[in-house]
All heavy atoms as atom14 arrays in JSON, in Angstrom:
{
  "sequence": "SGPYNFKVLGRLDATGTVEDSIYFGMADTAGFSTAAYEGWMGMA",
  "atom14_mask": [
    [1, 1, 1, 1, 1, 1, 0, 0, 0, 0, 0, 0, 0, 0],
    [1, 1, 1, 1, 0, 0, 0, 0, 0, 0, 0, 0, 0, 0],
    [1, 1, 1, 1, 1, 1, 1, 0, 0, 0, 0, 0, 0, 0],
    [1, 1, 1, 1, 1, 1, 1, 1, 1, 1, 1, 1, 0, 0],
    [1, 1, 1, 1, 1, 1, 1, 1, 0, 0, 0, 0, 0, 0],
    [1, 1, 1, 1, 1, 1, 1, 1, 1, 1, 1, 0, 0, 0],
    [1, 1, 1, 1, 1, 1, 1, 1, 1, 0, 0, 0, 0, 0],
    [1, 1, 1, 1, 1, 1, 1, 0, 0, 0, 0, 0, 0, 0],
    [1, 1, 1, 1, 1, 1, 1, 1, 0, 0, 0, 0, 0, 0],
    [1, 1, 1, 1, 0, 0, 0, 0, 0, 0, 0, 0, 0, 0],
    [1, 1, 1, 1, 1, 1, 1, 1, 1, 1, 1, 0, 0, 0],
    [1, 1, 1, 1, 1, 1, 1, 1, 0, 0, 0, 0, 0, 0],
    [1, 1, 1, 1, 1, 1, 1, 1, 0, 0, 0, 0, 0, 0],
    [1, 1, 1, 1, 1, 0, 0, 0, 0, 0, 0, 0, 0, 0],
    [1, 1, 1, 1, 1, 1, 1, 0, 0, 0, 0, 0, 0, 0],
    [1, 1, 1, 1, 0, 0, 0, 0, 0, 0, 0, 0, 0, 0],
    [1, 1, 1, 1, 1, 1, 1, 0, 0, 0, 0, 0, 0, 0],
    [1, 1, 1, 1, 1, 1, 1, 0, 0, 0, 0, 0, 0, 0],
    [1, 1, 1, 1, 1, 1, 1, 1, 1, 0, 0, 0, 0, 0],
    [1, 1, 1, 1, 1, 1, 1, 1, 0, 0, 0, 0, 0, 0],
    [1, 1, 1, 1, 1, 1, 0, 0, 0, 0, 0, 0, 0, 0],
    [1, 1, 1, 1, 1, 1, 1, 1, 0, 0, 0, 0, 0, 0],
    [1, 1, 1, 1, 1, 1, 1, 1, 1, 1, 1, 1, 0, 0],
    [1, 1, 1, 1, 1, 1, 1, 1, 1, 1, 1, 0, 0, 0],
    [1, 1, 1, 1, 0, 0, 0, 0, 0, 0, 0, 0, 0, 0],
    [1, 1, 1, 1, 1, 1, 1, 1, 0, 0, 0, 0, 0, 0],
    [1, 1, 1, 1, 1, 0, 0, 0, 0, 0, 0, 0, 0, 0],
    [1, 1, 1, 1, 1, 1, 1, 1, 0, 0, 0, 0, 0, 0],
    [1, 1, 1, 1, 1, 1, 1, 0, 0, 0, 0, 0, 0, 0],
    [1, 1, 1, 1, 1, 0, 0, 0, 0, 0, 0, 0, 0, 0],
    [1, 1, 1, 1, 0, 0, 0, 0, 0, 0, 0, 0, 0, 0],
    [1, 1, 1, 1, 1, 1, 1, 1, 1, 1, 1, 0, 0, 0],
    [1, 1, 1, 1, 1, 1, 0, 0, 0, 0, 0, 0, 0, 0],
    [1, 1, 1, 1, 1, 1, 1, 0, 0, 0, 0, 0, 0, 0],
    [1, 1, 1, 1, 1, 0, 0, 0, 0, 0, 0, 0, 0, 0],
    [1, 1, 1, 1, 1, 0, 0, 0, 0, 0, 0, 0, 0, 0],
    [1, 1, 1, 1, 1, 1, 1, 1, 1, 1, 1, 1, 0, 0],
    [1, 1, 1, 1, 1, 1, 1, 1, 1, 0, 0, 0, 0, 0],
    [1, 1, 1, 1, 0, 0, 0, 0, 0, 0, 0, 0, 0, 0],
    [1, 1, 1, 1, 1, 1, 1, 1, 1, 1, 1, 1, 1, 1],
    [1, 1, 1, 1, 1, 1, 1, 1, 0, 0, 0, 0, 0, 0],
    [1, 1, 1, 1, 0, 0, 0, 0, 0, 0, 0, 0, 0, 0],
    [1, 1, 1, 1, 1, 1, 1, 1, 0, 0, 0, 0, 0, 0],
    [1, 1, 1, 1, 1, 0, 0, 0, 0, 0, 0, 0, 0, 0]
  ],
  "atom14_positions": [
    [[5.48, 0.02, -5.48], [6.71, 0.62, -6.01], [6.46, 1.92, -6.76], [7.33, 2.41, -7.44], [7.44, -0.37, -6.92], [6.66, -0.64, -8.06], [0.0, 0.0, 0.0], [0.0, 0.0, 0.0], [0.0, 0.0, 0.0], [0.0, 0.0, 0.0], [0.0, 0.0, 0.0], [0.0, 0.0, 0.0], [0.0, 0.0, 0.0], [0.0, 0.0, 0.0]],
    [[5.29, 2.47, -6.61], [4.94, 3.73, -7.25], [3.59, 4.2, -6.76], [2.96, 3.56, -5.92], [0.0, 0.0, 0.0], [0.0, 0.0, 0.0], [0.0, 0.0, 0.0], [0.0, 0.0, 0.0], [0.0, 0.0, 0.0], [0.0, 0.0, 0.0], [0.0, 0.0, 0.0], [0.0, 0.0, 0.0], [0.0, 0.0, 0.0], [0.0, 0.0, 0.0]],
    [[3.11, 5.3, -7.28], [1.83, 5.87, -6.83], [0.63, 5.14, -7.44], [-0.12, 5.69, -8.24], [1.92, 7.33, -7.28], [2.79, 7.27, -8.49], [3.79, 6.18, -8.23], [0.0, 0.0, 0.0], [0.0, 0.0, 0.0], [0.0, 0.0, 0.0], [0.0, 0.0, 0.0], [0.0, 0.0, 0.0], [0.0, 0.0, 0.0], [0.0, 0.0, 0.0]],
    [[0.48, 3.87, -7.06], [-0.58, 3.02, -7.61], [-1.7, 2.85, -6.6], [-1.53, 3.1, -5.41], [-0.01, 1.65, -7.98], [1.21, 1.74, -8.87], [2.42, 1.21, -8.48], [1.14, 2.41, -10.09], [3.55, 1.3, -9.29], [2.26, 2.51, -10.91], [3.45, 1.96, -10.5], [4.56, 2.07, -11.3], [0.0, 0.0, 0.0], [0.0, 0.0, 0.0]],
    [[-2.85, 2.36, -7.07], [-3.95, 2.11, -6.16], [-4.35, 0.64, -6.17], [-3.96, -0.12, -7.05], [-5.16, 3.02, -6.45], [-5.7, 2.82, -7.85], [-5.9, 1.7, -8.29], [-5.95, 3.9, -8.54], [0.0, 0.0, 0.0], [0.0, 0.0, 0.0], [0.0, 0.0, 0.0], [0.0, 0.0, 0.0], [0.0, 0.0, 0.0], [0.0, 0.0, 0.0]],
    [[-5.12, 0.27, -5.18], [-5.58, -1.1, -4.97], [-7.09, -1.01, -4.82], [-7.6, -0.53, -3.81], [-4.93, -1.62, -3.69], [-5.15, -3.07, -3.36], [-4.1, -3.84, -2.92], [-6.39, -3.67, -3.46], [-4.26, -5.17, -2.57], [-6.58, -4.99, -3.12], [-5.51, -5.75, -2.68], [0.0, 0.0, 0.0], [0.0, 0.0, 0.0], [0.0, 0.0, 0.0]],
    [[-7.85, -1.47, -5.83], [-9.31, -1.43, -5.79], [-9.85, -2.81, -5.44], [-9.41, -3.81, -5.99], [-9.89, -1.0, -7.14], [-9.64, 0.44, -7.48], [-10.3, 0.8, -8.8], [-9.96, 2.22, -9.19], [-10.44, 2.54, -10.54], [0.0, 0.0, 0.0], [0.0, 0.0, 0.0], [0.0, 0.0, 0.0], [0.0, 0.0, 0.0], [0.0, 0.0, 0.0]],
    [[-10.82, -2.82, -4.54], [-11.46, -4.06, -4.13], [-12.92, -4.01, -4.58], [-13.72, -3.29, -4.0], [-11.35, -4.26, -2.61], [-12.02, -5.58, -2.21], [-9.89, -4.24, -2.15], [0.0, 0.0, 0.0], [0.0, 0.0, 0.0], [0.0, 0.0, 0.0], [0.0, 0.0, 0.0], [0.0, 0.0, 0.0], [0.0, 0.0, 0.0], [0.0, 0.0, 0.0]],
    [[-13.23, -4.76, -5.62], [-14.61, -4.9, -6.1], [-15.17, -6.25, -5.68], [-16.38, -6.44, -5.66], [-14.66, -4.77, -7.62], [-14.1, -3.48, -8.21], [-14.05, -3.56, -9.72], [-14.92, -2.29, -7.76], [0.0, 0.0, 0.0], [0.0, 0.0, 0.0], [0.0, 0.0, 0.0], [0.0, 0.0, 0.0], [0.0, 0.0, 0.0], [0.0, 0.0, 0.0]],
    [[-14.29, -7.18, -5.37], [-14.68, -8.52, -4.94], [-14.45, -8.67, -3.46], [-14.84, -7.81, -2.67], [0.0, 0.0, 0.0], [0.0, 0.0, 0.0], [0.0, 0.0, 0.0], [0.0, 0.0, 0.0], [0.0, 0.0, 0.0], [0.0, 0.0, 0.0], [0.0, 0.0, 0.0], [0.0, 0.0, 0.0], [0.0, 0.0, 0.0], [0.0, 0.0, 0.0]],
    [[-13.76, -9.75, -3.08], [-13.57, -10.06, -1.66], [-12.08, -10.07, -1.31], [-11.28, -10.71, -1.99], [-14.18, -11.41, -1.35], [-14.05, -11.81, 0.09], [-14.82, -13.06, 0.37], [-14.57, -13.48, 1.74], [-15.22, -14.45, 2.32], [-16.15, -15.11, 1.66], [-14.94, -14.78, 3.56], [0.0, 0.0, 0.0], [0.0, 0.0, 0.0], [0.0, 0.0, 0.0]],
    [[-11.73, -9.39, -0.23], [-10.38, -9.39, 0.31], [-10.42, -9.98, 1.71], [-11.1, -9.44, 2.59], [-9.81, -7.97, 0.36], [-8.45, -7.81, 1.05], [-7.36, -8.59, 0.31], [-8.08, -6.33, 1.16], [0.0, 0.0, 0.0], [0.0, 0.0, 0.0], [0.0, 0.0, 0.0], [0.0, 0.0, 0.0], [0.0, 0.0, 0.0], [0.0, 0.0, 0.0]],
    [[-9.73, -11.1, 1.9], [-9.59, -11.71, 3.23], [-8.16, -11.49, 3.67], [-7.23, -12.13, 3.15], [-9.9, -13.21, 3.19], [-11.36, -13.52, 2.99], [-12.2, -12.67, 3.34], [-11.67, -14.61, 2.49], [0.0, 0.0, 0.0], [0.0, 0.0, 0.0], [0.0, 0.0, 0.0], [0.0, 0.0, 0.0], [0.0, 0.0, 0.0], [0.0, 0.0, 0.0]],
    [[-7.97, -10.58, 4.6], [-6.63, -10.25, 5.1], [-6.73, -10.01, 6.6], [-7.04, -8.91, 7.03], [-6.09, -9.02, 4.38], [0.0, 0.0, 0.0], [0.0, 0.0, 0.0], [0.0, 0.0, 0.0], [0.0, 0.0, 0.0], [0.0, 0.0, 0.0], [0.0, 0.0, 0.0], [0.0, 0.0, 0.0], [0.0, 0.0, 0.0], [0.0, 0.0, 0.0]],
    [[-6.49, -11.06, 7.36], [-6.58, -10.96, 8.81], [-5.22, -11.28, 9.41], [-4.77, -12.43, 9.37], [-7.64, -11.95, 9.37], [-8.87, -11.71, 8.71], [-7.81, -11.76, 10.86], [0.0, 0.0, 0.0], [0.0, 0.0, 0.0], [0.0, 0.0, 0.0], [0.0, 0.0, 0.0], [0.0, 0.0, 0.0], [0.0, 0.0, 0.0], [0.0, 0.0, 0.0]],
    [[-4.58, -10.26, 9.94], [-3.29, -10.46, 10.59], [-3.49, -10.83, 12.05], [-4.61, -10.98, 12.53], [0.0, 0.0, 0.0], [0.0, 0.0, 0.0], [0.0, 0.0, 0.0], [0.0, 0.0, 0.0], [0.0, 0.0, 0.0], [0.0, 0.0, 0.0], [0.0, 0.0, 0.0], [0.0, 0.0, 0.0], [0.0, 0.0, 0.0], [0.0, 0.0, 0.0]],
    [[-2.38, -10.98, 12.74], [-2.4, -11.26, 14.17], [-1.5, -10.25, 14.86], [-0.79, -9.48, 14.21], [-1.88, -12.68, 14.47], [-0.5, -12.76, 14.15], [-2.66, -13.74, 13.7], [0.0, 0.0, 0.0], [0.0, 0.0, 0.0], [0.0, 0.0, 0.0], [0.0, 0.0, 0.0], [0.0, 0.0, 0.0], [0.0, 0.0, 0.0], [0.0, 0.0, 0.0]],
    [[-1.52, -10.24, 16.19], [-0.64, -9.34, 16.94], [0.82, -9.63, 16.59], [1.63, -8.73, 16.4], [-0.89, -9.47, 18.46], [0.13, -8.68, 19.25], [-2.3, -9.02, 18.8], [0.0, 0.0, 0.0], [0.0, 0.0, 0.0], [0.0, 0.0, 0.0], [0.0, 0.0, 0.0], [0.0, 0.0, 0.0], [0.0, 0.0, 0.0], [0.0, 0.0, 0.0]],
    [[1.15, -10.9, 16.48], [2.53, -11.3, 16.18], [2.88, -11.15, 14.7], [4.04, -10.92, 14.35], [2.77, -12.76, 16.59], [2.62, -13.04, 18.06], [1.18, -13.24, 18.49], [0.32, -13.58, 17.64], [0.88, -13.02, 19.68], [0.0, 0.0, 0.0], [0.0, 0.0, 0.0], [0.0, 0.0, 0.0], [0.0, 0.0, 0.0], [0.0, 0.0, 0.0]],
    [[1.91, -11.32, 13.82], [2.13, -11.3, 12.37], [1.11, -10.4, 11.68], [0.12, -10.86, 11.13], [2.03, -12.71, 11.78], [3.22, -13.58, 12.12], [4.34, -13.06, 12.08], [3.02, -14.77, 12.41], [0.0, 0.0, 0.0], [0.0, 0.0, 0.0], [0.0, 0.0, 0.0], [0.0, 0.0, 0.0], [0.0, 0.0, 0.0], [0.0, 0.0, 0.0]],
    [[1.36, -9.11, 11.71], [0.49, -8.15, 11.03], [0.67, -8.26, 9.54], [1.68, -8.73, 9.05], [0.83, -6.72, 11.48], [0.64, -6.57, 12.85], [0.0, 0.0, 0.0], [0.0, 0.0, 0.0], [0.0, 0.0, 0.0], [0.0, 0.0, 0.0], [0.0, 0.0, 0.0], [0.0, 0.0, 0.0], [0.0, 0.0, 0.0], [0.0, 0.0, 0.0]],
    [[-0.33, -7.81, 8.81], [-0.21, -7.66, 7.36], [0.13, -6.2, 7.12], [-0.56, -5.31, 7.61], [-1.5, -8.07, 6.64], [-1.79, -9.55, 6.9], [-1.4, -7.79, 5.14], [-3.15, -10.01, 6.43], [0.0, 0.0, 0.0], [0.0, 0.0, 0.0], [0.0, 0.0, 0.0], [0.0, 0.0, 0.0], [0.0, 0.0, 0.0], [0.0, 0.0, 0.0]],
    [[1.2, -5.96, 6.37], [1.71, -4.6, 6.19], [1.5, -4.14, 4.75], [1.93, -4.82, 3.82], [3.19, -4.55, 6.53], [3.84, -3.22, 6.28], [3.67, -2.17, 7.18], [4.61, -3.01, 5.14], [4.25, -0.93, 6.94], [5.19, -1.78, 4.9], [5.01, -0.75, 5.81], [5.58, 0.47, 5.57], [0.0, 0.0, 0.0], [0.0, 0.0, 0.0]],
    [[0.8, -3.03, 4.58], [0.66, -2.38, 3.28], [1.47, -1.1, 3.35], [1.28, -0.28, 4.26], [-0.8, -2.04, 2.98], [-1.68, -3.23, 2.75], [-2.33, -3.86, 3.8], [-1.86, -3.73, 1.47], [-3.14, -4.96, 3.59], [-2.67, -4.83, 1.24], [-3.31, -5.45, 2.3], [0.0, 0.0, 0.0], [0.0, 0.0, 0.0], [0.0, 0.0, 0.0]],
    [[2.36, -0.89, 2.4], [3.18, 0.32, 2.42], [3.82, 0.56, 1.07], [3.39, 0.04, 0.05], [0.0, 0.0, 0.0], [0.0, 0.0, 0.0], [0.0, 0.0, 0.0], [0.0, 0.0, 0.0], [0.0, 0.0, 0.0], [0.0, 0.0, 0.0], [0.0, 0.0, 0.0], [0.0, 0.0, 0.0], [0.0, 0.0, 0.0], [0.0, 0.0, 0.0]],
    [[4.88, 1.35, 1.09], [5.53, 1.68, -0.17], [6.98, 1.2, -0.16], [7.62, 1.15, 0.87], [5.47, 3.16, -0.45], [6.09, 4.05, 0.58], [5.83, 5.76, 0.12], [7.46, 6.39, 0.37], [0.0, 0.0, 0.0], [0.0, 0.0, 0.0], [0.0, 0.0, 0.0], [0.0, 0.0, 0.0], [0.0, 0.0, 0.0], [0.0, 0.0, 0.0]],
    [[7.4, 0.81, -1.33], [8.79, 0.45, -1.56], [9.29, 1.44, -2.58], [9.04, 1.32, -3.76], [8.9, -0.97, -2.11], [0.0, 0.0, 0.0], [0.0, 0.0, 0.0], [0.0, 0.0, 0.0], [0.0, 0.0, 0.0], [0.0, 0.0, 0.0], [0.0, 0.0, 0.0], [0.0, 0.0, 0.0], [0.0, 0.0, 0.0], [0.0, 0.0, 0.0]],
    [[9.94, 2.47, -2.11], [10.33, 3.57, -2.99], [11.54, 3.19, -3.84], [12.61, 3.75, -3.72], [10.61, 4.83, -2.17], [10.73, 6.07, -3.02], [10.64, 5.95, -4.26], [10.9, 7.15, -2.46], [0.0, 0.0, 0.0], [0.0, 0.0, 0.0], [0.0, 0.0, 0.0], [0.0, 0.0, 0.0], [0.0, 0.0, 0.0], [0.0, 0.0, 0.0]],
    [[11.33, 2.2, -4.71], [12.41, 1.76, -5.58], [12.51, 2.62, -6.83], [13.49, 2.56, -7.54], [12.2, 0.3, -5.99], [10.94, 0.19, -6.66], [12.21, -0.61, -4.78], [0.0, 0.0, 0.0], [0.0, 0.0, 0.0], [0.0, 0.0, 0.0], [0.0, 0.0, 0.0], [0.0, 0.0, 0.0], [0.0, 0.0, 0.0], [0.0, 0.0, 0.0]],
    [[11.48, 3.42, -7.11], [11.47, 4.22, -8.34], [11.75, 5.69, -8.07], [11.77, 6.5, -8.99], [10.11, 4.08, -9.03], [0.0, 0.0, 0.0], [0.0, 0.0, 0.0], [0.0, 0.0, 0.0], [0.0, 0.0, 0.0], [0.0, 0.0, 0.0], [0.0, 0.0, 0.0], [0.0, 0.0, 0.0], [0.0, 0.0, 0.0], [0.0, 0.0, 0.0]],
    [[11.95, 6.06, -6.82], [12.22, 7.45, -6.49], [11.0, 8.34, -6.6], [11.12, 9.54, -6.77], [0.0, 0.0, 0.0], [0.0, 0.0, 0.0], [0.0, 0.0, 0.0], [0.0, 0.0, 0.0], [0.0, 0.0, 0.0], [0.0, 0.0, 0.0], [0.0, 0.0, 0.0], [0.0, 0.0, 0.0], [0.0, 0.0, 0.0], [0.0, 0.0, 0.0]],
    [[9.78, 7.78, -6.46], [8.59, 8.61, -6.62], [8.27, 9.41, -5.37], [7.46, 10.32, -5.4], [7.38, 7.76, -7.03], [6.88, 6.84, -5.96], [5.91, 7.26, -5.07], [7.38, 5.55, -5.85], [5.45, 6.41, -4.08], [6.91, 4.71, -4.87], [5.95, 5.13, -3.98], [0.0, 0.0, 0.0], [0.0, 0.0, 0.0], [0.0, 0.0, 0.0]],
    [[8.88, 9.08, -4.24], [8.6, 9.82, -3.01], [9.32, 11.16, -3.04], [10.54, 11.23, -3.12], [9.06, 9.01, -1.8], [8.76, 9.7, -0.62], [0.0, 0.0, 0.0], [0.0, 0.0, 0.0], [0.0, 0.0, 0.0], [0.0, 0.0, 0.0], [0.0, 0.0, 0.0], [0.0, 0.0, 0.0], [0.0, 0.0, 0.0], [0.0, 0.0, 0.0]],
    [[8.55, 12.22, -3.02], [9.11, 13.58, -3.04], [8.4, 14.4, -1.97], [7.47, 13.92, -1.32], [8.88, 14.24, -4.41], [7.48, 14.44, -4.59], [9.46, 13.42, -5.55], [0.0, 0.0, 0.0], [0.0, 0.0, 0.0], [0.0, 0.0, 0.0], [0.0, 0.0, 0.0], [0.0, 0.0, 0.0], [0.0, 0.0, 0.0], [0.0, 0.0, 0.0]],
    [[8.79, 15.63, -1.83], [8.11, 16.51, -0.88], [6.64, 16.7, -1.28], [5.78, 16.91, -0.43], [8.82, 17.85, -0.82], [0.0, 0.0, 0.0], [0.0, 0.0, 0.0], [0.0, 0.0, 0.0], [0.0, 0.0, 0.0], [0.0, 0.0, 0.0], [0.0, 0.0, 0.0], [0.0, 0.0, 0.0], [0.0, 0.0, 0.0], [0.0, 0.0, 0.0]],
    [[6.33, 16.64, -2.58], [4.96, 16.85, -3.06], [4.12, 15.58, -2.94], [2.91, 15.65, -2.81], [4.99, 17.31, -4.51], [0.0, 0.0, 0.0], [0.0, 0.0, 0.0], [0.0, 0.0, 0.0], [0.0, 0.0, 0.0], [0.0, 0.0, 0.0], [0.0, 0.0, 0.0], [0.0, 0.0, 0.0], [0.0, 0.0, 0.0], [0.0, 0.0, 0.0]],
    [[4.75, 14.42, -3.01], [4.01, 13.16, -2.97], [4.78, 12.16, -2.13], [5.93, 11.88, -2.43], [3.79, 12.6, -4.38], [3.02, 11.32, -4.33], [1.64, 11.34, -4.17], [3.65, 10.09, -4.35], [0.92, 10.17, -4.05], [2.93, 8.92, -4.23], [1.58, 8.96, -4.08], [0.87, 7.81, -3.96], [0.0, 0.0, 0.0], [0.0, 0.0, 0.0]],
    [[4.16, 11.62, -1.1], [4.9, 10.76, -0.18], [4.28, 9.38, 0.01], [4.17, 8.92, 1.13], [5.04, 11.45, 1.17], [5.84, 12.73, 1.09], [6.0, 13.39, 2.44], [5.64, 12.79, 3.46], [6.5, 14.51, 2.47], [0.0, 0.0, 0.0], [0.0, 0.0, 0.0], [0.0, 0.0, 0.0], [0.0, 0.0, 0.0], [0.0, 0.0, 0.0]],
    [[3.83, 8.73, -1.02], [3.32, 7.39, -0.8], [2.51, 6.83, -1.93], [2.41, 7.42, -2.99], [0.0, 0.0, 0.0], [0.0, 0.0, 0.0], [0.0, 0.0, 0.0], [0.0, 0.0, 0.0], [0.0, 0.0, 0.0], [0.0, 0.0, 0.0], [0.0, 0.0, 0.0], [0.0, 0.0, 0.0], [0.0, 0.0, 0.0], [0.0, 0.0, 0.0]],
    [[1.92, 5.67, -1.68], [1.08, 5.02, -2.67], [-0.33, 5.58, -2.57], [-0.67, 6.26, -1.62], [1.14, 3.51, -2.5], [0.72, 2.96, -1.18], [1.39, 3.06, 0.0], [-0.45, 2.21, -0.89], [0.72, 2.43, 0.98], [-0.43, 1.89, 0.48], [-1.53, 1.78, -1.65], [-1.43, 1.15, 1.09], [-2.52, 1.04, -1.03], [-2.46, 0.74, 0.32]],
    [[-1.16, 5.28, -3.55], [-2.47, 5.91, -3.67], [-3.54, 5.29, -2.76], [-4.65, 5.77, -2.71], [-2.95, 5.87, -5.13], [-2.04, 6.61, -6.08], [-1.87, 8.36, -5.68], [-3.47, 8.94, -6.17], [0.0, 0.0, 0.0], [0.0, 0.0, 0.0], [0.0, 0.0, 0.0], [0.0, 0.0, 0.0], [0.0, 0.0, 0.0], [0.0, 0.0, 0.0]],
    [[-3.24, 4.23, -2.08], [-4.17, 3.66, -1.11], [-5.06, 2.57, -1.66], [-4.87, 2.06, -2.76], [0.0, 0.0, 0.0], [0.0, 0.0, 0.0], [0.0, 0.0, 0.0], [0.0, 0.0, 0.0], [0.0, 0.0, 0.0], [0.0, 0.0, 0.0], [0.0, 0.0, 0.0], [0.0, 0.0, 0.0], [0.0, 0.0, 0.0], [0.0, 0.0, 0.0]],
    [[-6.05, 2.23, -0.85], [-6.94, 1.13, -1.13], [-8.37, 1.66, -1.18], [-8.76, 2.48, -0.36], [-6.79, 0.1, -0.01], [-7.31, -1.24, -0.3], [-7.01, -2.35, 1.1], [-5.36, -2.89, 0.78], [0.0, 0.0, 0.0], [0.0, 0.0, 0.0], [0.0, 0.0, 0.0], [0.0, 0.0, 0.0], [0.0, 0.0, 0.0], [0.0, 0.0, 0.0]],
    [[-9.16, 1.2, -2.14], [-10.56, 1.63, -2.27], [-11.45, 0.4, -2.3], [-11.25, -0.5, -3.12], [-10.75, 2.45, -3.54], [0.0, 0.0, 0.0], [0.0, 0.0, 0.0], [0.0, 0.0, 0.0], [0.0, 0.0, 0.0], [0.0, 0.0, 0.0], [0.0, 0.0, 0.0], [0.0, 0.0, 0.0], [0.0, 0.0, 0.0], [0.0, 0.0, 0.0]]
  ]
}
């Protein structure tokens, strides 16, 4: 819901399927998406 990041220092088990993918994206509920910034900060 904003320009946040997701850091993985431990273990992430996220295995989707063709029918049921796992979706990471943005929910622009705060109005942070602008011409200068268009998304969340990603995963590291």
